[in-house]
Amino acid sequence: MFPEGTLYSTKFANMHEYCPCCGQSFEPEPGYYYGAMYVSFGFNVAIFLVTLAILYQFVEEVTMAMMMGVVAVVVIGFLPIIFRLSRALWINIFIRYEGPCSQIPKKVH
């Protein structure tokens, strides 16, 4: 879905227009990935809860500033991964995976 070597660069959000294997469009309609924001929100809530649990294990008193700072650093650090994973999960909800490249016919667009 994403060009190689762009994960931790300013181009982490760039996507191929079509699947190089089967020709499936990665943007079936305008605004298709707005729903991926909800998936991303779920990941960020999970990060918050895990961070909170870890902080409670290692720090006597967890302050709001400490929590916000740690969560901000972790979320910004994982931003490209969360972004890509959210989009990949969102498209997989609606478009069925057909198998390895060698086993599927190429679609014409």
Protein backbone atom coordinates (compact mmCIF):
# COMPACT_ATOMS: atom_id res chain seq x y z
CA MET A 1 0.00 0.00 0.00
CA PHE A 2 2.84 2.38 0.83
CA PRO A 3 6.11 3.05 -1.02
CA GLU A 4 9.19 1.43 0.49
CA GLY A 5 11.55 3.56 2.55
CA THR A 6 8.99 6.19 3.51
CA LEU A 7 7.92 5.00 6.97
CA TYR A 8 9.88 7.53 9.03
CA SER A 9 10.11 10.35 6.50
CA THR A 10 7.93 13.33 5.66
CA LYS A 11 6.28 11.14 2.99
CA PHE A 12 4.92 8.51 5.42
CA ALA A 13 1.33 9.27 4.30
CA ASN A 14 2.00 8.71 0.60
CA MET A 15 0.23 5.69 -0.86
CA HIS A 16 0.36 3.89 -4.17
CA GLU A 17 -2.65 4.79 -6.30
CA TYR A 18 -3.21 1.14 -7.21
CA CYS A 19 -1.97 -2.15 -5.82
CA PRO A 20 1.16 -3.08 -7.80
CA CYS A 21 0.11 -6.73 -7.56
CA CYS A 22 -3.59 -6.87 -8.45
CA GLY A 23 -4.43 -3.33 -9.59
CA GLN A 24 -6.96 -2.66 -6.79
CA SER A 25 -7.50 1.06 -6.26
CA PHE A 26 -6.34 2.15 -2.81
CA GLU A 27 -8.82 5.05 -2.81
CA PRO A 28 -12.12 3.51 -3.97
CA GLU A 29 -13.97 6.79 -3.36
CA PRO A 30 -13.14 10.32 -2.17
CA GLY A 31 -12.78 10.51 1.61
CA TYR A 32 -12.60 6.73 1.89
CA TYR A 33 -10.14 6.74 4.79
CA TYR A 34 -12.10 9.03 7.13
CA GLY A 35 -13.25 5.89 8.92
CA ALA A 36 -9.62 4.97 9.54
CA MET A 37 -9.54 7.85 12.02
CA TYR A 38 -11.79 5.80 14.32
CA VAL A 39 -9.39 2.87 14.06
CA SER A 40 -6.52 5.22 14.86
CA PHE A 41 -8.47 6.59 17.82
CA GLY A 42 -8.82 3.05 19.17
CA PHE A 43 -5.07 2.50 18.88
CA ASN A 44 -4.38 5.79 20.66
CA VAL A 45 -6.78 4.92 23.50
CA ALA A 46 -4.98 1.59 23.89
CA ILE A 47 -1.62 3.41 23.97
CA PHE A 48 -2.98 5.76 26.64
CA LEU A 49 -4.20 2.89 28.81
CA VAL A 50 -0.98 0.89 28.47
CA THR A 51 1.10 4.00 29.21
CA LEU A 52 -1.02 4.74 32.27
CA ALA A 53 -0.61 1.17 33.55
CA ILE A 54 3.16 1.28 33.02
CA LEU A 55 3.48 4.65 34.74
CA TYR A 56 1.48 3.42 37.72
CA GLN A 57 3.89 0.48 38.04
CA PHE A 58 7.05 2.61 38.06
CA VAL A 59 6.06 6.04 39.43
CA GLU A 60 4.56 6.76 42.85
CA GLU A 61 2.43 9.69 41.76
CA VAL A 62 1.33 10.09 38.15
CA THR A 63 0.57 13.71 37.35
CA MET A 64 -1.52 14.97 34.45
CA ALA A 65 1.50 16.74 32.92
CA MET A 66 3.59 13.56 33.18
CA MET A 67 0.85 11.50 31.57
CA MET A 68 0.29 13.99 28.76
CA GLY A 69 4.00 14.27 28.09
CA VAL A 70 4.64 10.54 27.95
CA VAL A 71 1.56 9.85 25.81
CA ALA A 72 2.46 12.70 23.43
CA VAL A 73 5.99 11.37 22.96
CA VAL A 74 4.80 7.79 22.42
CA VAL A 75 1.95 8.73 20.05
CA ILE A 76 4.16 11.05 17.99
CA GLY A 77 6.84 8.37 17.86
CA PHE A 78 4.37 5.76 16.62
CA LEU A 79 2.39 8.16 14.38
CA PRO A 80 3.56 6.77 11.01
CA ILE A 81 2.95 3.18 12.15
CA ILE A 82 -0.50 3.95 13.60
CA PHE A 83 -1.45 5.91 10.48
CA ARG A 84 -0.48 3.09 8.11
CA LEU A 85 -1.91 0.31 10.25
CA SER A 86 -5.23 2.16 10.59
CA ARG A 87 -5.53 2.59 6.83
CA ALA A 88 -4.57 -1.02 6.16
CA LEU A 89 -7.14 -2.30 8.67
CA TRP A 90 -9.83 0.02 7.31
CA ILE A 91 -9.42 -1.12 3.69
CA ASN A 92 -9.33 -4.76 4.80
CA ILE A 93 -12.76 -4.40 6.39
CA PHE A 94 -14.29 -3.64 2.98
CA ILE A 95 -12.00 -5.23 0.39
CA ARG A 96 -11.30 -8.94 0.63
CA TYR A 97 -7.69 -10.14 0.54
CA GLU A 98 -7.28 -12.45 -2.44
CA GLY A 99 -3.97 -14.09 -1.61
CA PRO A 100 -0.38 -13.81 -2.82
CA CYS A 101 0.41 -11.93 -6.06
CA SER A 102 1.25 -15.11 -7.93
CA GLN A 103 -2.27 -16.50 -7.40
CA ILE A 104 -4.52 -13.59 -8.40
CA PRO A 105 -5.29 -12.00 -11.78
CA LYS A 106 -4.37 -8.34 -12.28
CA LYS A 107 -7.35 -5.97 -12.43
CA VAL A 108 -7.58 -3.41 -15.20
CA HIS A 109 -8.27 0.15 -14.06
